[in-house]
Amino acid sequence: METATQNPPQHCIKDPVDSPANTNITISDHHDLLPQLQSLQQSFDTIQSKSSLMEENLLLQHERDDALRNNSQLNLVIQEVSKEREPFRDQVS
């Protein structure tokens, strides 16, 4: 019959970093992590914002390029129509 006072299995220490002697060092080092994390979050937010602006600018540049191409094509069509119109103008005069 097993007794209720059995000790639960202890954590196996496989790495010296996990040893109890290093726990205090690790815990004391963790208090610096929050400011670092907050700084990284701010940097990430800034980079993400810049990325969004760059994507928007790139989209606007593509739209501008498309508009310039369309404008150029319309100018060519206007020139062709103007050339075709000249003989009719001469006939009417």
PDB file of N, CA and C in Angstrom:
ATOM      1  N   MET A   1       0.834  -1.165   0.000  1.00  0.00           N
ATOM      2  CA  MET A   1       0.000   0.000   0.000  1.00  0.00           C
ATOM      3  C   MET A   1       0.893   1.247   0.000  1.00  0.00           C
ATOM      4  N   GLU A   2       0.557   2.202  -0.870  1.00  0.00           N
ATOM      5  CA  GLU A   2       1.358   3.411  -0.996  1.00  0.00           C
ATOM      6  C   GLU A   2       0.920   4.428   0.039  1.00  0.00           C
ATOM      7  N   THR A   3       1.872   5.181   0.495  1.00  0.00           N
ATOM      8  CA  THR A   3       1.532   6.208   1.479  1.00  0.00           C
ATOM      9  C   THR A   3       1.268   7.530   0.769  1.00  0.00           C
ATOM     10  N   ALA A   4       0.476   8.354   1.395  1.00  0.00           N
ATOM     11  CA  ALA A   4       0.113   9.638   0.811  1.00  0.00           C
ATOM     12  C   ALA A   4       1.230  10.655   0.970  1.00  0.00           C
ATOM     13  N   THR A   5       2.274  10.299   1.670  1.00  0.00           N
ATOM     14  CA  THR A   5       3.361  11.251   1.917  1.00  0.00           C
ATOM     15  C   THR A   5       4.495  11.091   0.922  1.00  0.00           C
ATOM     16  N   GLN A   6       4.260  10.406  -0.171  1.00  0.00           N
ATOM     17  CA  GLN A   6       5.318  10.243  -1.173  1.00  0.00           C
ATOM     18  C   GLN A   6       5.691  11.607  -1.752  1.00  0.00           C
ATOM     19  N   ASN A   7       6.967  11.759  -1.996  1.00  0.00           N
ATOM     20  CA  ASN A   7       7.434  13.006  -2.605  1.00  0.00           C
ATOM     21  C   ASN A   7       7.151  12.985  -4.104  1.00  0.00           C
ATOM     22  N   PRO A   8       6.642  14.087  -4.631  1.00  0.00           N
ATOM     23  CA  PRO A   8       6.441  14.138  -6.081  1.00  0.00           C
ATOM     24  C   PRO A   8       7.796  14.149  -6.769  1.00  0.00           C
ATOM     25  N   PRO A   9       7.864  13.697  -8.028  1.00  0.00           N
ATOM     26  CA  PRO A   9       9.162  13.672  -8.726  1.00  0.00           C
ATOM     27  C   PRO A   9       9.709  15.088  -8.865  1.00  0.00           C
ATOM     28  N   GLN A  10      10.998  15.204  -8.619  1.00  0.00           N
ATOM     29  CA  GLN A  10      11.624  16.516  -8.723  1.00  0.00           C
ATOM     30  C   GLN A  10      12.013  16.779 -10.172  1.00  0.00           C
ATOM     31  N   HIS A  11      12.102  18.063 -10.486  1.00  0.00           N
ATOM     32  CA  HIS A  11      12.473  18.490 -11.829  1.00  0.00           C
ATOM     33  C   HIS A  11      13.895  18.023 -12.117  1.00  0.00           C
ATOM     34  N   CYS A  12      14.092  17.398 -13.238  1.00  0.00           N
ATOM     35  CA  CYS A  12      15.427  16.954 -13.623  1.00  0.00           C
ATOM     36  C   CYS A  12      16.201  18.136 -14.180  1.00  0.00           C
ATOM     37  N   ILE A  13      17.389  18.337 -13.680  1.00  0.00           N
ATOM     38  CA  ILE A  13      18.235  19.426 -14.165  1.00  0.00           C
ATOM     39  C   ILE A  13      19.152  18.846 -15.223  1.00  0.00           C
ATOM     40  N   LYS A  14      18.871  19.203 -16.467  1.00  0.00           N
ATOM     41  CA  LYS A  14      19.651  18.682 -17.582  1.00  0.00           C
ATOM     42  C   LYS A  14      20.694  19.688 -18.040  1.00  0.00           C
ATOM     43  N   ASP A  15      20.435  20.940 -17.792  1.00  0.00           N
ATOM     44  CA  ASP A  15      21.309  22.003 -18.271  1.00  0.00           C
ATOM     45  C   ASP A  15      21.783  22.813 -17.068  1.00  0.00           C
ATOM     46  N   PRO A  16      23.050  23.158 -17.016  1.00  0.00           N
ATOM     47  CA  PRO A  16      23.526  23.950 -15.875  1.00  0.00           C
ATOM     48  C   PRO A  16      22.796  25.290 -15.750  1.00  0.00           C
ATOM     49  N   VAL A  17      22.258  25.801 -16.824  1.00  0.00           N
ATOM     50  CA  VAL A  17      21.522  27.062 -16.763  1.00  0.00           C
ATOM     51  C   VAL A  17      20.279  26.895 -15.900  1.00  0.00           C
ATOM     52  N   ASP A  18      19.709  25.675 -15.880  1.00  0.00           N
ATOM     53  CA  ASP A  18      18.510  25.405 -15.093  1.00  0.00           C
ATOM     54  C   ASP A  18      18.816  25.162 -13.619  1.00  0.00           C
ATOM     55  N   SER A  19      20.064  25.127 -13.238  1.00  0.00           N
ATOM     56  CA  SER A  19      20.400  24.797 -11.858  1.00  0.00           C
ATOM     57  C   SER A  19      19.918  25.892 -10.915  1.00  0.00           C
ATOM     58  N   PRO A  20      19.566  25.526  -9.690  1.00  0.00           N
ATOM     59  CA  PRO A  20      19.078  26.510  -8.717  1.00  0.00           C
ATOM     60  C   PRO A  20      20.070  27.637  -8.469  1.00  0.00           C
ATOM     61  N   ALA A  21      21.348  27.379  -8.576  1.00  0.00           N
ATOM     62  CA  ALA A  21      22.346  28.424  -8.346  1.00  0.00           C
ATOM     63  C   ALA A  21      22.230  29.528  -9.389  1.00  0.00           C
ATOM     64  N   ASN A  22      21.829  29.172 -10.604  1.00  0.00           N
ATOM     65  CA  ASN A  22      21.702  30.157 -11.678  1.00  0.00           C
ATOM     66  C   ASN A  22      20.322  30.796 -11.715  1.00  0.00           C
ATOM     67  N   THR A  23      19.389  30.307 -10.944  1.00  0.00           N
ATOM     68  CA  THR A  23      18.029  30.834 -10.962  1.00  0.00           C
ATOM     69  C   THR A  23      18.001  32.289 -10.537  1.00  0.00           C
ATOM     70  N   ASN A  24      18.737  32.646  -9.495  1.00  0.00           N
ATOM     71  CA  ASN A  24      18.758  34.034  -9.029  1.00  0.00           C
ATOM     72  C   ASN A  24      19.319  34.971 -10.086  1.00  0.00           C
ATOM     73  N   ILE A  25      20.340  34.543 -10.772  1.00  0.00           N
ATOM     74  CA  ILE A  25      20.926  35.366 -11.830  1.00  0.00           C
ATOM     75  C   ILE A  25      19.904  35.548 -12.947  1.00  0.00           C
ATOM     76  N   THR A  26      19.263  34.462 -13.341  1.00  0.00           N
ATOM     77  CA  THR A  26      18.291  34.519 -14.425  1.00  0.00           C
ATOM     78  C   THR A  26      17.111  35.401 -14.049  1.00  0.00           C
ATOM     79  N   ILE A  27      16.599  35.254 -12.845  1.00  0.00           N
ATOM     80  CA  ILE A  27      15.450  36.056 -12.416  1.00  0.00           C
ATOM     81  C   ILE A  27      15.837  37.524 -12.348  1.00  0.00           C
ATOM     82  N   SER A  28      17.014  37.828 -11.825  1.00  0.00           N
ATOM     83  CA  SER A  28      17.410  39.233 -11.739  1.00  0.00           C
ATOM     84  C   SER A  28      17.630  39.817 -13.128  1.00  0.00           C
ATOM     85  N   ASP A  29      18.023  39.003 -14.093  1.00  0.00           N
ATOM     86  CA  ASP A  29      18.201  39.486 -15.461  1.00  0.00           C
ATOM     87  C   ASP A  29      16.863  39.750 -16.140  1.00  0.00           C
ATOM     88  N   HIS A  30      15.816  39.089 -15.698  1.00  0.00           N
ATOM     89  CA  HIS A  30      14.507  39.229 -16.347  1.00  0.00           C
ATOM     90  C   HIS A  30      13.879  40.598 -16.117  1.00  0.00           C
ATOM     91  N   HIS A  31      14.249  41.299 -15.050  1.00  0.00           N
ATOM     92  CA  HIS A  31      13.627  42.604 -14.800  1.00  0.00           C
ATOM     93  C   HIS A  31      14.005  43.611 -15.885  1.00  0.00           C
ATOM     94  N   ASP A  32      15.096  43.370 -16.597  1.00  0.00           N
ATOM     95  CA  ASP A  32      15.489  44.243 -17.708  1.00  0.00           C
ATOM     96  C   ASP A  32      14.739  43.909 -18.993  1.00  0.00           C
ATOM     97  N   LEU A  33      14.108  42.756 -19.024  1.00  0.00           N
ATOM     98  CA  LEU A  33      13.453  42.325 -20.257  1.00  0.00           C
ATOM     99  C   LEU A  33      12.207  43.138 -20.584  1.00  0.00           C
ATOM    100  N   LEU A  34      11.465  43.577 -19.581  1.00  0.00           N
ATOM    101  CA  LEU A  34      10.238  44.333 -19.843  1.00  0.00           C
ATOM    102  C   LEU A  34      10.533  45.644 -20.567  1.00  0.00           C
ATOM    103  N   PRO A  35      11.485  46.454 -20.106  1.00  0.00           N
ATOM    104  CA  PRO A  35      11.797  47.674 -20.871  1.00  0.00           C
ATOM    105  C   PRO A  35      12.307  47.366 -22.282  1.00  0.00           C
ATOM    106  N   GLN A  36      13.082  46.290 -22.402  1.00  0.00           N
ATOM    107  CA  GLN A  36      13.564  45.905 -23.725  1.00  0.00           C
ATOM    108  C   GLN A  36      12.403  45.496 -24.620  1.00  0.00           C
ATOM    109  N   LEU A  37      11.474  44.739 -24.064  1.00  0.00           N
ATOM    110  CA  LEU A  37      10.298  44.314 -24.821  1.00  0.00           C
ATOM    111  C   LEU A  37       9.468  45.518 -25.240  1.00  0.00           C
ATOM    112  N   GLN A  38       9.289  46.467 -24.327  1.00  0.00           N
ATOM    113  CA  GLN A  38       8.523  47.671 -24.657  1.00  0.00           C
ATOM    114  C   GLN A  38       9.225  48.483 -25.740  1.00  0.00           C
ATOM    115  N   SER A  39      10.530  48.568 -25.657  1.00  0.00           N
ATOM    116  CA  SER A  39      11.295  49.287 -26.674  1.00  0.00           C
ATOM    117  C   SER A  39      11.169  48.598 -28.027  1.00  0.00           C
ATOM    118  N   LEU A  40      11.257  47.269 -28.009  1.00  0.00           N
ATOM    119  CA  LEU A  40      11.098  46.512 -29.252  1.00  0.00           C
ATOM    120  C   LEU A  40       9.699  46.674 -29.821  1.00  0.00           C
ATOM    121  N   GLN A  41       8.692  46.724 -28.949  1.00  0.00           N
ATOM    122  CA  GLN A  41       7.311  46.916 -29.404  1.00  0.00           C
ATOM    123  C   GLN A  41       7.164  48.271 -30.081  1.00  0.00           C
ATOM    124  N   GLN A  42       7.770  49.306 -29.482  1.00  0.00           N
ATOM    125  CA  GLN A  42       7.718  50.640 -30.087  1.00  0.00           C
ATOM    126  C   GLN A  42       8.427  50.651 -31.436  1.00  0.00           C
ATOM    127  N   SER A  43       9.569  49.988 -31.497  1.00  0.00           N
ATOM    128  CA  SER A  43      10.303  49.907 -32.764  1.00  0.00           C
ATOM    129  C   SER A  43       9.482  49.168 -33.808  1.00  0.00           C
ATOM    130  N   PHE A  44       8.861  48.080 -33.396  1.00  0.00           N
ATOM    131  CA  PHE A  44       8.019  47.307 -34.308  1.00  0.00           C
ATOM    132  C   PHE A  44       6.865  48.154 -34.821  1.00  0.00           C
ATOM    133  N   ASP A  45       6.204  48.882 -33.909  1.00  0.00           N
ATOM    134  CA  ASP A  45       5.082  49.738 -34.310  1.00  0.00           C
ATOM    135  C   ASP A  45       5.540  50.806 -35.302  1.00  0.00           C
ATOM    136  N   THR A  46       6.708  51.389 -35.047  1.00  0.00           N
ATOM    137  CA  THR A  46       7.245  52.412 -35.948  1.00  0.00           C
ATOM    138  C   THR A  46       7.535  51.823 -37.320  1.00  0.00           C
ATOM    139  N   ILE A  47       8.173  50.670 -37.329  1.00  0.00           N
ATOM    140  CA  ILE A  47       8.506  50.011 -38.595  1.00  0.00           C
ATOM    141  C   ILE A  47       7.239  49.608 -39.333  1.00  0.00           C
ATOM    142  N   GLN A  48       6.261  49.102 -38.610  1.00  0.00           N
ATOM    143  CA  GLN A  48       4.999  48.701 -39.235  1.00  0.00           C
ATOM    144  C   GLN A  48       4.293  49.917 -39.832  1.00  0.00           C
ATOM    145  N   SER A  49       4.321  51.028 -39.137  1.00  0.00           N
ATOM    146  CA  SER A  49       3.710  52.258 -39.643  1.00  0.00           C
ATOM    147  C   SER A  49       4.423  52.725 -40.909  1.00  0.00           C
ATOM    148  N   LYS A  50       5.755  52.712 -40.873  1.00  0.00           N
ATOM    149  CA  LYS A  50       6.526  53.099 -42.055  1.00  0.00           C
ATOM    150  C   LYS A  50       6.242  52.157 -43.214  1.00  0.00           C
ATOM    151  N   SER A  51       6.121  50.878 -42.917  1.00  0.00           N
ATOM    152  CA  SER A  51       5.825  49.895 -43.953  1.00  0.00           C
ATOM    153  C   SER A  51       4.471  50.172 -44.593  1.00  0.00           C
ATOM    154  N   SER A  52       3.484  50.504 -43.769  1.00  0.00           N
ATOM    155  CA  SER A  52       2.155  50.827 -44.295  1.00  0.00           C
ATOM    156  C   SER A  52       2.215  52.055 -45.190  1.00  0.00           C
ATOM    157  N   LEU A  53       2.960  53.070 -44.762  1.00  0.00           N
ATOM    158  CA  LEU A  53       3.104  54.278 -45.576  1.00  0.00           C
ATOM    159  C   LEU A  53       3.812  53.975 -46.892  1.00  0.00           C
ATOM    160  N   MET A  54       4.831  53.130 -46.829  1.00  0.00           N
ATOM    161  CA  MET A  54       5.555  52.771 -48.047  1.00  0.00           C
ATOM    162  C   MET A  54       4.655  51.996 -49.004  1.00  0.00           C
ATOM    163  N   GLU A  55       3.841  51.092 -48.472  1.00  0.00           N
ATOM    164  CA  GLU A  55       2.906  50.347 -49.314  1.00  0.00           C
ATOM    165  C   GLU A  55       1.906  51.292 -49.968  1.00  0.00           C
ATOM    166  N   GLU A  56       1.404  52.248 -49.188  1.00  0.00           N
ATOM    167  CA  GLU A  56       0.445  53.215 -49.724  1.00  0.00           C
ATOM    168  C   GLU A  56       1.100  54.070 -50.809  1.00  0.00           C
ATOM    169  N   ASN A  57       2.340  54.515 -50.562  1.00  0.00           N
ATOM    170  CA  ASN A  57       3.058  55.301 -51.565  1.00  0.00           C
ATOM    171  C   ASN A  57       3.308  54.496 -52.833  1.00  0.00           C
ATOM    172  N   LEU A  58       3.652  53.232 -52.671  1.00  0.00           N
ATOM    173  CA  LEU A  58       3.883  52.372 -53.825  1.00  0.00           C
ATOM    174  C   LEU A  58       2.605  52.206 -54.637  1.00  0.00           C
ATOM    175  N   LEU A  59       1.488  52.021 -53.954  1.00  0.00           N
ATOM    176  CA  LEU A  59       0.201  51.906 -54.637  1.00  0.00           C
ATOM    177  C   LEU A  59      -0.120  53.195 -55.389  1.00  0.00           C
ATOM    178  N   LEU A  60       0.118  54.342 -54.751  1.00  0.00           N
ATOM    179  CA  LEU A  60      -0.125  55.627 -55.408  1.00  0.00           C
ATOM    180  C   LEU A  60       0.786  55.814 -56.622  1.00  0.00           C
ATOM    181  N   GLN A  61       2.023  55.370 -56.525  1.00  0.00           N
ATOM    182  CA  GLN A  61       2.940  55.466 -57.665  1.00  0.00           C
ATOM    183  C   GLN A  61       2.450  54.613 -58.828  1.00  0.00           C
ATOM    184  N   HIS A  62       1.963  53.405 -58.530  1.00  0.00           N
ATOM    185  CA  HIS A  62       1.421  52.542 -59.588  1.00  0.00           C
ATOM    186  C   HIS A  62       0.204  53.187 -60.233  1.00  0.00           C
ATOM    187  N   GLU A  63      -0.663  53.758 -59.405  1.00  0.00           N
ATOM    188  CA  GLU A  63      -1.846  54.423 -59.945  1.00  0.00           C
ATOM    189  C   GLU A  63      -1.442  55.627 -60.798  1.00  0.00           C
ATOM    190  N   ARG A  64      -0.448  56.385 -60.354  1.00  0.00           N
ATOM    191  CA  ARG A  64       0.041  57.528 -61.129  1.00  0.00           C
ATOM    192  C   ARG A  64       0.624  57.064 -62.459  1.00  0.00           C
ATOM    193  N   ASP A  65       1.423  55.989 -62.416  1.00  0.00           N
ATOM    194  CA  ASP A  65       2.003  55.456 -63.649  1.00  0.00           C
ATOM    195  C   ASP A  65       0.911  55.004 -64.615  1.00  0.00           C
ATOM    196  N   ASP A  66      -0.118  54.347 -64.095  1.00  0.00           N
ATOM    197  CA  ASP A  66      -1.244  53.923 -64.938  1.00  0.00           C
ATOM    198  C   ASP A  66      -1.947  55.131 -65.546  1.00  0.00           C
ATOM    199  N   ALA A  67      -2.149  56.173 -64.743  1.00  0.00           N
ATOM    200  CA  ALA A  67      -2.811  57.387 -65.234  1.00  0.00           C
ATOM    201  C   ALA A  67      -1.972  58.052 -66.323  1.00  0.00           C
ATOM    202  N   LEU A  68      -0.655  58.088 -66.147  1.00  0.00           N
ATOM    203  CA  LEU A  68       0.219  58.674 -67.169  1.00  0.00           C
ATOM    204  C   LEU A  68       0.180  57.867 -68.463  1.00  0.00           C
ATOM    205  N   ARG A  69       0.152  56.543 -68.339  1.00  0.00           N
ATOM    206  CA  ARG A  69       0.047  55.684 -69.530  1.00  0.00           C
ATOM    207  C   ARG A  69      -1.269  55.934 -70.255  1.00  0.00           C
ATOM    208  N   ASN A  70      -2.357  55.991 -69.482  1.00  0.00           N
ATOM    209  CA  ASN A  70      -3.669  56.249 -70.084  1.00  0.00           C
ATOM    210  C   ASN A  70      -3.698  57.622 -70.748  1.00  0.00           C
ATOM    211  N   ASN A  71      -3.105  58.613 -70.108  1.00  0.00           N
ATOM    212  CA  ASN A  71      -3.047  59.961 -70.675  1.00  0.00           C
ATOM    213  C   ASN A  71      -2.285  59.955 -71.997  1.00  0.00           C
ATOM    214  N   SER A  72      -1.186  59.243 -72.027  1.00  0.00           N
ATOM    215  CA  SER A  72      -0.381  59.152 -73.247  1.00  0.00           C
ATOM    216  C   SER A  72      -1.180  58.484 -74.368  1.00  0.00           C
ATOM    217  N   GLN A  73      -1.892  57.413 -74.035  1.00  0.00           N
ATOM    218  CA  GLN A  73      -2.714  56.725 -75.039  1.00  0.00           C
ATOM    219  C   GLN A  73      -3.835  57.633 -75.532  1.00  0.00           C
ATOM    220  N   LEU A  74      -4.445  58.384 -74.634  1.00  0.00           N
ATOM    221  CA  LEU A  74      -5.506  59.310 -75.036  1.00  0.00           C
ATOM    222  C   LEU A  74      -4.961  60.407 -75.948  1.00  0.00           C
ATOM    223  N   ASN A  75      -3.767  60.893 -75.669  1.00  0.00           N
ATOM    224  CA  ASN A  75      -3.153  61.901 -76.539  1.00  0.00           C
ATOM    225  C   ASN A  75      -2.930  61.352 -77.942  1.00  0.00           C
ATOM    226  N   LEU A  76      -2.500  60.100 -78.039  1.00  0.00           N
ATOM    227  CA  LEU A  76      -2.311  59.483 -79.357  1.00  0.00           C
ATOM    228  C   LEU A  76      -3.641  59.367 -80.095  1.00  0.00           C
ATOM    229  N   VAL A  77      -4.681  58.965 -79.381  1.00  0.00           N
ATOM    230  CA  VAL A  77      -6.002  58.840 -80.001  1.00  0.00           C
ATOM    231  C   VAL A  77      -6.496  60.212 -80.467  1.00  0.00           C
ATOM    232  N   ILE A  78      -6.282  61.237 -79.666  1.00  0.00           N
ATOM    233  CA  ILE A  78      -6.700  62.596 -80.039  1.00  0.00           C
ATOM    234  C   ILE A  78      -5.963  63.046 -81.299  1.00  0.00           C
ATOM    235  N   GLN A  79      -4.680  62.745 -81.387  1.00  0.00           N
ATOM    236  CA  GLN A  79      -3.910  63.110 -82.581  1.00  0.00           C
ATOM    237  C   GLN A  79      -4.467  62.408 -83.819  1.00  0.00           C
ATOM    238  N   GLU A  80      -4.792  61.117 -83.679  1.00  0.00           N
ATOM    239  CA  GLU A  80      -5.350  60.371 -84.810  1.00  0.00           C
ATOM    240  C   GLU A  80      -6.692  60.947 -85.236  1.00  0.00           C
ATOM    241  N   VAL A  81      -7.549  61.233 -84.275  1.00  0.00           N
ATOM    242  CA  VAL A  81      -8.869  61.779 -84.585  1.00  0.00           C
ATOM    243  C   VAL A  81      -8.724  63.155 -85.232  1.00  0.00           C
ATOM    244  N   SER A  82      -7.777  63.943 -84.755  1.00  0.00           N
ATOM    245  CA  SER A  82      -7.553  65.273 -85.334  1.00  0.00           C
ATOM    246  C   SER A  82      -7.110  65.155 -86.792  1.00  0.00           C
ATOM    247  N   LYS A  83      -6.239  64.193 -87.086  1.00  0.00           N
ATOM    248  CA  LYS A  83      -5.790  63.981 -88.467  1.00  0.00           C
ATOM    249  C   LYS A  83      -6.957  63.558 -89.352  1.00  0.00           C
ATOM    250  N   GLU A  84      -7.833  62.706 -88.823  1.00  0.00           N
ATOM    251  CA  GLU A  84      -8.992  62.257 -89.597  1.00  0.00           C
ATOM    252  C   GLU A  84     -10.003  63.392 -89.773  1.00  0.00           C
ATOM    253  N   ARG A  85     -10.045  64.307 -88.849  1.00  0.00           N
ATOM    254  CA  ARG A  85     -11.005  65.403 -88.888  1.00  0.00           C
ATOM    255  C   ARG A  85     -10.631  66.449 -89.941  1.00  0.00           C
ATOM    256  N   GLU A  86      -9.360  66.655 -90.189  1.00  0.00           N
ATOM    257  CA  GLU A  86      -8.902  67.694 -91.117  1.00  0.00           C
ATOM    258  C   GLU A  86      -9.519  67.563 -92.513  1.00  0.00           C
ATOM    259  N   PRO A  87      -9.543  66.366 -93.115  1.00  0.00           N
ATOM    260  CA  PRO A  87     -10.164  66.283 -94.457  1.00  0.00           C
ATOM    261  C   PRO A  87     -11.650  66.658 -94.434  1.00  0.00           C
ATOM    262  N   PHE A  88     -12.358  66.299 -93.377  1.00  0.00           N
ATOM    263  CA  PHE A  88     -13.780  66.652 -93.290  1.00  0.00           C
ATOM    264  C   PHE A  88     -13.951  68.160 -93.141  1.00  0.00           C
ATOM    265  N   ARG A  89     -13.058  68.771 -92.406  1.00  0.00           N
ATOM    266  CA  ARG A  89     -13.122  70.222 -92.223  1.00  0.00           C
ATOM    267  C   ARG A  89     -12.918  70.928 -93.575  1.00  0.00           C
ATOM    268  N   ASP A  90     -11.982  70.387 -94.363  1.00  0.00           N
ATOM    269  CA  ASP A  90     -11.732  70.969 -95.684  1.00  0.00           C
ATOM    270  C   ASP A  90     -12.954  70.812 -96.590  1.00  0.00           C
ATOM    271  N   GLN A  91     -13.648  69.679 -96.468  1.00  0.00           N
ATOM    272  CA  GLN A  91     -14.835  69.451 -97.300  1.00  0.00           C
ATOM    273  C   GLN A  91     -15.960  70.401 -96.918  1.00  0.00           C
ATOM    274  N   VAL A  92     -16.112  70.701 -95.667  1.00  0.00           N
ATOM    275  CA  VAL A  92     -17.182  71.567 -95.189  1.00  0.00           C
ATOM    276  C   VAL A  92     -16.892  73.018 -95.582  1.00  0.00           C
ATOM    277  N   SER A  93     -15.658  73.399 -95.622  1.00  0.00           N
ATOM    278  CA  SER A  93     -15.315  74.798 -95.922  1.00  0.00           C
ATOM    279  C   SER A  93     -15.551  75.141 -97.350  1.00  0.00           C
TER     280      SER A  93
END
